[in-house]
Amino acid sequence: MTDAADVKGKESYHHGDLRAALLVAGEAVLAETGVEGFSLRQVAKRVGVSHSAPAHHFGDTQGLLSALAAEGFRRFLAAMLARQAEAPDDPREQMLAQAVGYLDFAESAPALFRLMFGSDRIWPSTPELAEAGRAAYRNLTDGVARLRGLAPDDPAALPDVVACWSVAHGFAHLVIGRRMEPVQGLSRDEREALLRQAVAKVLD
């Protein structure tokens, strides 16, 4: 995706290029201001276009934030799949790798992570965001189903789904919020190993 610094000040864009540039700028503004200080005007200024340009593509602030959340879920899934691709093709190892990918994404994009999972300023029911969220969730449910020998939609899988999700999400949230003091002094490899051990406990 084009870096925001490269697009700032340009006067014309192809339709898709401008949308992509606005998303890049939007993520940068989100990282700087948080959801509370986020505005379309700041995003437009960063890209170097009129303040009406983001509204044309996303409708309003909530629309842009929802598009950012959808992009976040796609990258979130990609981070998990990247770790899984490196892991042995064993159901348990795949679940552990998935959890580490969860942490990878949270640490690489904390503002986006908080937007996706903690903001009421996004529209979860928009088709783009709903599909991106479902795809990430399916990766989890499919992994649990494979591990337990169940159909992906079997209600019997739900306790394991909730347990794995809660551990990975809670760990990631506490790490990026610096609320887990015993973990802050650990190296990245040590944090990863600790997360794997925590998830392994709920899978046993």
C-alpha atoms as a PDB file:
ATOM      1  CA  MET A   1       0.000   0.000   0.000  1.00  0.00           C
ATOM      2  CA  THR A   2       1.309   3.482  -0.837  1.00  0.00           C
ATOM      3  CA  ASP A   3       2.962   5.325   2.043  1.00  0.00           C
ATOM      4  CA  ALA A   4       1.119   8.461   3.161  1.00  0.00           C
ATOM      5  CA  ALA A   5       4.245  10.595   2.833  1.00  0.00           C
ATOM      6  CA  ASP A   6       4.476   9.710  -0.849  1.00  0.00           C
ATOM      7  CA  VAL A   7       0.930  10.795  -1.623  1.00  0.00           C
ATOM      8  CA  LYS A   8       0.769  14.008   0.422  1.00  0.00           C
ATOM      9  CA  GLY A   9       0.369  17.037  -1.757  1.00  0.00           C
ATOM     10  CA  LYS A  10      -0.720  15.232  -4.894  1.00  0.00           C
ATOM     11  CA  GLU A  11      -3.588  16.926  -6.637  1.00  0.00           C
ATOM     12  CA  SER A  12      -5.067  14.003  -8.547  1.00  0.00           C
ATOM     13  CA  TYR A  13      -5.575  10.304  -7.970  1.00  0.00           C
ATOM     14  CA  HIS A  14      -7.165   7.386  -9.652  1.00  0.00           C
ATOM     15  CA  HIS A  15     -10.281   6.384  -7.729  1.00  0.00           C
ATOM     16  CA  GLY A  16      -8.683   3.343  -6.129  1.00  0.00           C
ATOM     17  CA  ASP A  17      -5.411   5.128  -5.404  1.00  0.00           C
ATOM     18  CA  LEU A  18      -7.123   7.875  -3.428  1.00  0.00           C
ATOM     19  CA  ARG A  19      -9.132   5.415  -1.372  1.00  0.00           C
ATOM     20  CA  ALA A  20      -5.974   3.496  -0.540  1.00  0.00           C
ATOM     21  CA  ALA A  21      -4.107   6.699   0.316  1.00  0.00           C
ATOM     22  CA  LEU A  22      -6.913   7.810   2.602  1.00  0.00           C
ATOM     23  CA  LEU A  23      -6.795   4.487   4.432  1.00  0.00           C
ATOM     24  CA  VAL A  24      -3.036   4.776   4.923  1.00  0.00           C
ATOM     25  CA  ALA A  25      -3.413   8.328   6.197  1.00  0.00           C
ATOM     26  CA  GLY A  26      -6.368   7.323   8.327  1.00  0.00           C
ATOM     27  CA  GLU A  27      -4.364   4.645  10.074  1.00  0.00           C
ATOM     28  CA  ALA A  28      -1.540   7.120  10.725  1.00  0.00           C
ATOM     29  CA  VAL A  29      -3.949   9.665  12.204  1.00  0.00           C
ATOM     30  CA  LEU A  30      -5.599   6.948  14.291  1.00  0.00           C
ATOM     31  CA  ALA A  31      -2.220   5.946  15.710  1.00  0.00           C
ATOM     32  CA  GLU A  32      -1.460   9.559  16.618  1.00  0.00           C
ATOM     33  CA  THR A  33      -4.808  10.705  18.010  1.00  0.00           C
ATOM     34  CA  GLY A  34      -6.736   7.574  18.948  1.00  0.00           C
ATOM     35  CA  VAL A  35     -10.390   7.198  18.040  1.00  0.00           C
ATOM     36  CA  GLU A  36     -11.357  10.144  20.215  1.00  0.00           C
ATOM     37  CA  GLY A  37      -9.318  12.681  18.242  1.00  0.00           C
ATOM     38  CA  PHE A  38      -9.850  11.160  14.796  1.00  0.00           C
ATOM     39  CA  SER A  39     -11.404  13.330  12.070  1.00  0.00           C
ATOM     40  CA  LEU A  40     -11.879  13.267   8.303  1.00  0.00           C
ATOM     41  CA  ARG A  41     -10.356  16.737   8.052  1.00  0.00           C
ATOM     42  CA  GLN A  42      -7.073  15.532   9.557  1.00  0.00           C
ATOM     43  CA  VAL A  43      -6.975  12.606   7.154  1.00  0.00           C
ATOM     44  CA  ALA A  44      -7.635  14.829   4.134  1.00  0.00           C
ATOM     45  CA  LYS A  45      -4.954  17.277   5.238  1.00  0.00           C
ATOM     46  CA  ARG A  46      -2.423  14.490   5.601  1.00  0.00           C
ATOM     47  CA  VAL A  47      -3.074  13.257   2.065  1.00  0.00           C
ATOM     48  CA  GLY A  48      -3.212  16.764   0.631  1.00  0.00           C
ATOM     49  CA  VAL A  49      -6.761  16.713  -0.743  1.00  0.00           C
ATOM     50  CA  SER A  50      -9.915  18.691   0.013  1.00  0.00           C
ATOM     51  CA  HIS A  51     -11.750  17.899   3.223  1.00  0.00           C
ATOM     52  CA  SER A  52     -14.654  16.557   1.180  1.00  0.00           C
ATOM     53  CA  ALA A  53     -12.567  13.797  -0.440  1.00  0.00           C
ATOM     54  CA  PRO A  54     -12.794  11.300   2.442  1.00  0.00           C
ATOM     55  CA  ALA A  55     -16.559  11.871   2.699  1.00  0.00           C
ATOM     56  CA  HIS A  56     -16.925  11.041  -0.992  1.00  0.00           C
ATOM     57  CA  HIS A  57     -15.315   7.637  -0.456  1.00  0.00           C
ATOM     58  CA  PHE A  58     -16.454   6.737   3.056  1.00  0.00           C
ATOM     59  CA  GLY A  59     -19.482   8.887   3.851  1.00  0.00           C
ATOM     60  CA  ASP A  60     -18.399  10.117   7.256  1.00  0.00           C
ATOM     61  CA  THR A  61     -15.914   9.489  10.051  1.00  0.00           C
ATOM     62  CA  GLN A  62     -17.654   6.292  11.104  1.00  0.00           C
ATOM     63  CA  GLY A  63     -17.519   5.019   7.536  1.00  0.00           C
ATOM     64  CA  LEU A  64     -13.766   5.576   7.299  1.00  0.00           C
ATOM     65  CA  LEU A  65     -13.156   3.995  10.697  1.00  0.00           C
ATOM     66  CA  SER A  66     -15.242   0.992   9.635  1.00  0.00           C
ATOM     67  CA  ALA A  67     -13.173   0.636   6.454  1.00  0.00           C
ATOM     68  CA  LEU A  68     -10.007   0.831   8.546  1.00  0.00           C
ATOM     69  CA  ALA A  69     -11.355  -1.893  10.848  1.00  0.00           C
ATOM     70  CA  ALA A  70     -12.105  -4.096   7.834  1.00  0.00           C
ATOM     71  CA  GLU A  71      -8.565  -3.606   6.559  1.00  0.00           C
ATOM     72  CA  GLY A  72      -7.368  -4.424  10.062  1.00  0.00           C
ATOM     73  CA  PHE A  73      -9.234  -7.723  10.134  1.00  0.00           C
ATOM     74  CA  ARG A  74      -7.743  -8.709   6.777  1.00  0.00           C
ATOM     75  CA  ARG A  75      -4.241  -8.005   8.058  1.00  0.00           C
ATOM     76  CA  PHE A  76      -5.070  -9.708  11.351  1.00  0.00           C
ATOM     77  CA  LEU A  77      -6.032 -12.884   9.488  1.00  0.00           C
ATOM     78  CA  ALA A  78      -2.922 -12.616   7.310  1.00  0.00           C
ATOM     79  CA  ALA A  79      -0.721 -12.367  10.417  1.00  0.00           C
ATOM     80  CA  MET A  80      -2.242 -15.539  11.848  1.00  0.00           C
ATOM     81  CA  LEU A  81      -1.994 -17.412   8.558  1.00  0.00           C
ATOM     82  CA  ALA A  82       1.647 -16.371   8.176  1.00  0.00           C
ATOM     83  CA  ARG A  83       2.512 -17.930  11.520  1.00  0.00           C
ATOM     84  CA  GLN A  84       0.479 -21.016  10.717  1.00  0.00           C
ATOM     85  CA  ALA A  85       2.309 -21.420   7.400  1.00  0.00           C
ATOM     86  CA  GLU A  86       5.583 -21.653   9.337  1.00  0.00           C
ATOM     87  CA  ALA A  87       4.242 -24.186  11.851  1.00  0.00           C
ATOM     88  CA  PRO A  88       3.954 -27.980  11.509  1.00  0.00           C
ATOM     89  CA  ASP A  89       0.716 -29.212   9.953  1.00  0.00           C
ATOM     90  CA  ASP A  90      -0.538 -30.481  13.281  1.00  0.00           C
ATOM     91  CA  PRO A  91      -3.869 -29.197  14.668  1.00  0.00           C
ATOM     92  CA  ARG A  92      -2.456 -28.293  18.063  1.00  0.00           C
ATOM     93  CA  GLU A  93       0.627 -26.566  16.642  1.00  0.00           C
ATOM     94  CA  GLN A  94      -1.591 -24.670  14.221  1.00  0.00           C
ATOM     95  CA  MET A  95      -3.685 -23.315  17.109  1.00  0.00           C
ATOM     96  CA  LEU A  96      -0.565 -22.211  18.989  1.00  0.00           C
ATOM     97  CA  ALA A  97       0.808 -20.527  15.875  1.00  0.00           C
ATOM     98  CA  GLN A  98      -2.519 -18.788  15.351  1.00  0.00           C
ATOM     99  CA  ALA A  99      -2.296 -17.285  18.849  1.00  0.00           C
ATOM    100  CA  VAL A 100       1.200 -15.969  18.175  1.00  0.00           C
ATOM    101  CA  GLY A 101      -0.044 -14.390  14.944  1.00  0.00           C
ATOM    102  CA  TYR A 102      -2.754 -12.710  17.038  1.00  0.00           C
ATOM    103  CA  LEU A 103      -0.030 -11.119  19.172  1.00  0.00           C
ATOM    104  CA  ASP A 104       2.034 -10.199  16.100  1.00  0.00           C
ATOM    105  CA  PHE A 105      -0.814  -8.152  14.709  1.00  0.00           C
ATOM    106  CA  ALA A 106      -1.688  -6.461  18.007  1.00  0.00           C
ATOM    107  CA  GLU A 107       1.902  -5.373  18.565  1.00  0.00           C
ATOM    108  CA  SER A 108       2.369  -4.177  14.979  1.00  0.00           C
ATOM    109  CA  ALA A 109      -0.842  -2.110  14.877  1.00  0.00           C
ATOM    110  CA  PRO A 110      -2.087  -1.392  18.423  1.00  0.00           C
ATOM    111  CA  ALA A 111      -4.356   1.517  17.462  1.00  0.00           C
ATOM    112  CA  LEU A 112      -6.008  -0.556  14.759  1.00  0.00           C
ATOM    113  CA  PHE A 113      -6.350  -3.505  17.136  1.00  0.00           C
ATOM    114  CA  ARG A 114      -8.147  -1.314  19.693  1.00  0.00           C
ATOM    115  CA  LEU A 115     -10.424   0.104  16.996  1.00  0.00           C
ATOM    116  CA  MET A 116     -11.407  -3.360  15.766  1.00  0.00           C
ATOM    117  CA  PHE A 117     -12.174  -4.825  19.153  1.00  0.00           C
ATOM    118  CA  GLY A 118     -13.027  -1.922  21.414  1.00  0.00           C
ATOM    119  CA  SER A 119     -14.661   0.957  19.580  1.00  0.00           C
ATOM    120  CA  ASP A 120     -18.340   1.800  19.203  1.00  0.00           C
ATOM    121  CA  ARG A 121     -17.519   4.169  16.324  1.00  0.00           C
ATOM    122  CA  ILE A 122     -17.481   1.445  13.682  1.00  0.00           C
ATOM    123  CA  TRP A 123     -20.369  -0.241  11.874  1.00  0.00           C
ATOM    124  CA  PRO A 124     -19.900  -4.016  12.405  1.00  0.00           C
ATOM    125  CA  SER A 125     -22.753  -4.805  10.027  1.00  0.00           C
ATOM    126  CA  THR A 126     -21.243  -3.159   6.935  1.00  0.00           C
ATOM    127  CA  PRO A 127     -20.616  -5.884   4.319  1.00  0.00           C
ATOM    128  CA  GLU A 128     -16.865  -5.221   4.070  1.00  0.00           C
ATOM    129  CA  LEU A 129     -16.274  -5.243   7.820  1.00  0.00           C
ATOM    130  CA  ALA A 130     -18.664  -8.114   8.513  1.00  0.00           C
ATOM    131  CA  GLU A 131     -17.005 -10.363   5.941  1.00  0.00           C
ATOM    132  CA  ALA A 132     -13.479  -9.519   7.090  1.00  0.00           C
ATOM    133  CA  GLY A 133     -14.436 -10.237  10.693  1.00  0.00           C
ATOM    134  CA  ARG A 134     -16.145 -13.512   9.779  1.00  0.00           C
ATOM    135  CA  ALA A 135     -13.100 -14.692   7.827  1.00  0.00           C
ATOM    136  CA  ALA A 136     -10.838 -14.147  10.843  1.00  0.00           C
ATOM    137  CA  TYR A 137     -13.325 -15.875  13.132  1.00  0.00           C
ATOM    138  CA  ARG A 138     -13.648 -18.821  10.721  1.00  0.00           C
ATOM    139  CA  ASN A 139      -9.920 -19.374  10.955  1.00  0.00           C
ATOM    140  CA  LEU A 140     -10.313 -19.857  14.696  1.00  0.00           C
ATOM    141  CA  THR A 141     -13.404 -22.072  14.532  1.00  0.00           C
ATOM    142  CA  ASP A 142     -11.940 -24.217  11.757  1.00  0.00           C
ATOM    143  CA  GLY A 143      -8.776 -24.702  13.795  1.00  0.00           C
ATOM    144  CA  VAL A 144     -10.682 -25.792  16.886  1.00  0.00           C
ATOM    145  CA  ALA A 145     -12.921 -28.085  14.851  1.00  0.00           C
ATOM    146  CA  ARG A 146      -9.906 -29.765  13.282  1.00  0.00           C
ATOM    147  CA  LEU A 147      -8.236 -30.171  16.666  1.00  0.00           C
ATOM    148  CA  ARG A 148     -11.316 -31.716  18.286  1.00  0.00           C
ATOM    149  CA  GLY A 149     -12.557 -33.671  15.270  1.00  0.00           C
ATOM    150  CA  LEU A 150     -15.781 -31.665  15.037  1.00  0.00           C
ATOM    151  CA  ALA A 151     -17.714 -29.875  12.325  1.00  0.00           C
ATOM    152  CA  PRO A 152     -16.809 -26.145  12.267  1.00  0.00           C
ATOM    153  CA  ASP A 153     -20.344 -25.148  13.249  1.00  0.00           C
ATOM    154  CA  ASP A 154     -20.715 -27.792  15.978  1.00  0.00           C
ATOM    155  CA  PRO A 155     -21.809 -26.078  19.227  1.00  0.00           C
ATOM    156  CA  ALA A 156     -19.509 -28.450  21.106  1.00  0.00           C
ATOM    157  CA  ALA A 157     -16.543 -26.479  19.713  1.00  0.00           C
ATOM    158  CA  LEU A 158     -17.670 -23.198  21.266  1.00  0.00           C
ATOM    159  CA  PRO A 159     -16.051 -23.597  24.722  1.00  0.00           C
ATOM    160  CA  ASP A 160     -12.646 -24.164  23.117  1.00  0.00           C
ATOM    161  CA  VAL A 161     -13.214 -21.297  20.680  1.00  0.00           C
ATOM    162  CA  VAL A 162     -14.026 -18.942  23.549  1.00  0.00           C
ATOM    163  CA  ALA A 163     -11.121 -20.178  25.667  1.00  0.00           C
ATOM    164  CA  CYS A 164      -8.497 -19.832  22.922  1.00  0.00           C
ATOM    165  CA  TRP A 165      -9.816 -16.464  21.804  1.00  0.00           C
ATOM    166  CA  SER A 166      -9.980 -15.119  25.350  1.00  0.00           C
ATOM    167  CA  VAL A 167      -6.424 -16.129  26.195  1.00  0.00           C
ATOM    168  CA  ALA A 168      -4.888 -14.788  22.971  1.00  0.00           C
ATOM    169  CA  HIS A 169      -6.911 -11.584  23.026  1.00  0.00           C
ATOM    170  CA  GLY A 170      -6.433 -10.909  26.711  1.00  0.00           C
ATOM    171  CA  PHE A 171      -2.694 -11.491  26.489  1.00  0.00           C
ATOM    172  CA  ALA A 172      -2.337  -9.236  23.439  1.00  0.00           C
ATOM    173  CA  HIS A 173      -4.499  -6.498  24.961  1.00  0.00           C
ATOM    174  CA  LEU A 174      -2.546  -6.482  28.214  1.00  0.00           C
ATOM    175  CA  VAL A 175       0.800  -6.470  26.402  1.00  0.00           C
ATOM    176  CA  ILE A 176       0.054  -3.508  24.138  1.00  0.00           C
ATOM    177  CA  GLY A 177      -1.550  -1.643  27.026  1.00  0.00           C
ATOM    178  CA  ARG A 178       1.514  -2.354  29.188  1.00  0.00           C
ATOM    179  CA  ARG A 179      -0.783  -3.723  31.877  1.00  0.00           C
ATOM    180  CA  MET A 180       1.049  -7.019  32.393  1.00  0.00           C
ATOM    181  CA  GLU A 181       4.114  -5.893  34.330  1.00  0.00           C
ATOM    182  CA  PRO A 182       5.820  -9.302  34.692  1.00  0.00           C
ATOM    183  CA  VAL A 183       5.758  -9.638  30.895  1.00  0.00           C
ATOM    184  CA  GLN A 184       7.079  -6.181  29.969  1.00  0.00           C
ATOM    185  CA  GLY A 185      10.698  -7.085  30.664  1.00  0.00           C
ATOM    186  CA  LEU A 186      10.570 -10.230  28.561  1.00  0.00           C
ATOM    187  CA  SER A 187      12.016 -10.443  25.066  1.00  0.00           C
ATOM    188  CA  ARG A 188       9.700 -10.909  22.104  1.00  0.00           C
ATOM    189  CA  ASP A 189      10.656 -14.590  21.917  1.00  0.00           C
ATOM    190  CA  GLU A 190       9.957 -15.040  25.632  1.00  0.00           C
ATOM    191  CA  ARG A 191       6.520 -13.387  25.340  1.00  0.00           C
ATOM    192  CA  GLU A 192       5.721 -15.636  22.401  1.00  0.00           C
ATOM    193  CA  ALA A 193       6.735 -18.734  24.348  1.00  0.00           C
ATOM    194  CA  LEU A 194       4.634 -17.649  27.324  1.00  0.00           C
ATOM    195  CA  LEU A 195       1.584 -17.142  25.131  1.00  0.00           C
ATOM    196  CA  ARG A 196       2.049 -20.559  23.564  1.00  0.00           C
ATOM    197  CA  GLN A 197       2.194 -22.110  27.031  1.00  0.00           C
ATOM    198  CA  ALA A 198      -0.978 -20.282  28.115  1.00  0.00           C
ATOM    199  CA  VAL A 199      -2.937 -21.390  25.049  1.00  0.00           C
ATOM    200  CA  ALA A 200      -1.612 -24.933  25.392  1.00  0.00           C
ATOM    201  CA  LYS A 201      -3.147 -25.098  28.867  1.00  0.00           C
ATOM    202  CA  VAL A 202      -6.653 -24.449  27.543  1.00  0.00           C
ATOM    203  CA  LEU A 203      -6.170 -27.013  24.775  1.00  0.00           C
ATOM    204  CA  ASP A 204      -5.092 -29.819  27.115  1.00  0.00           C
END
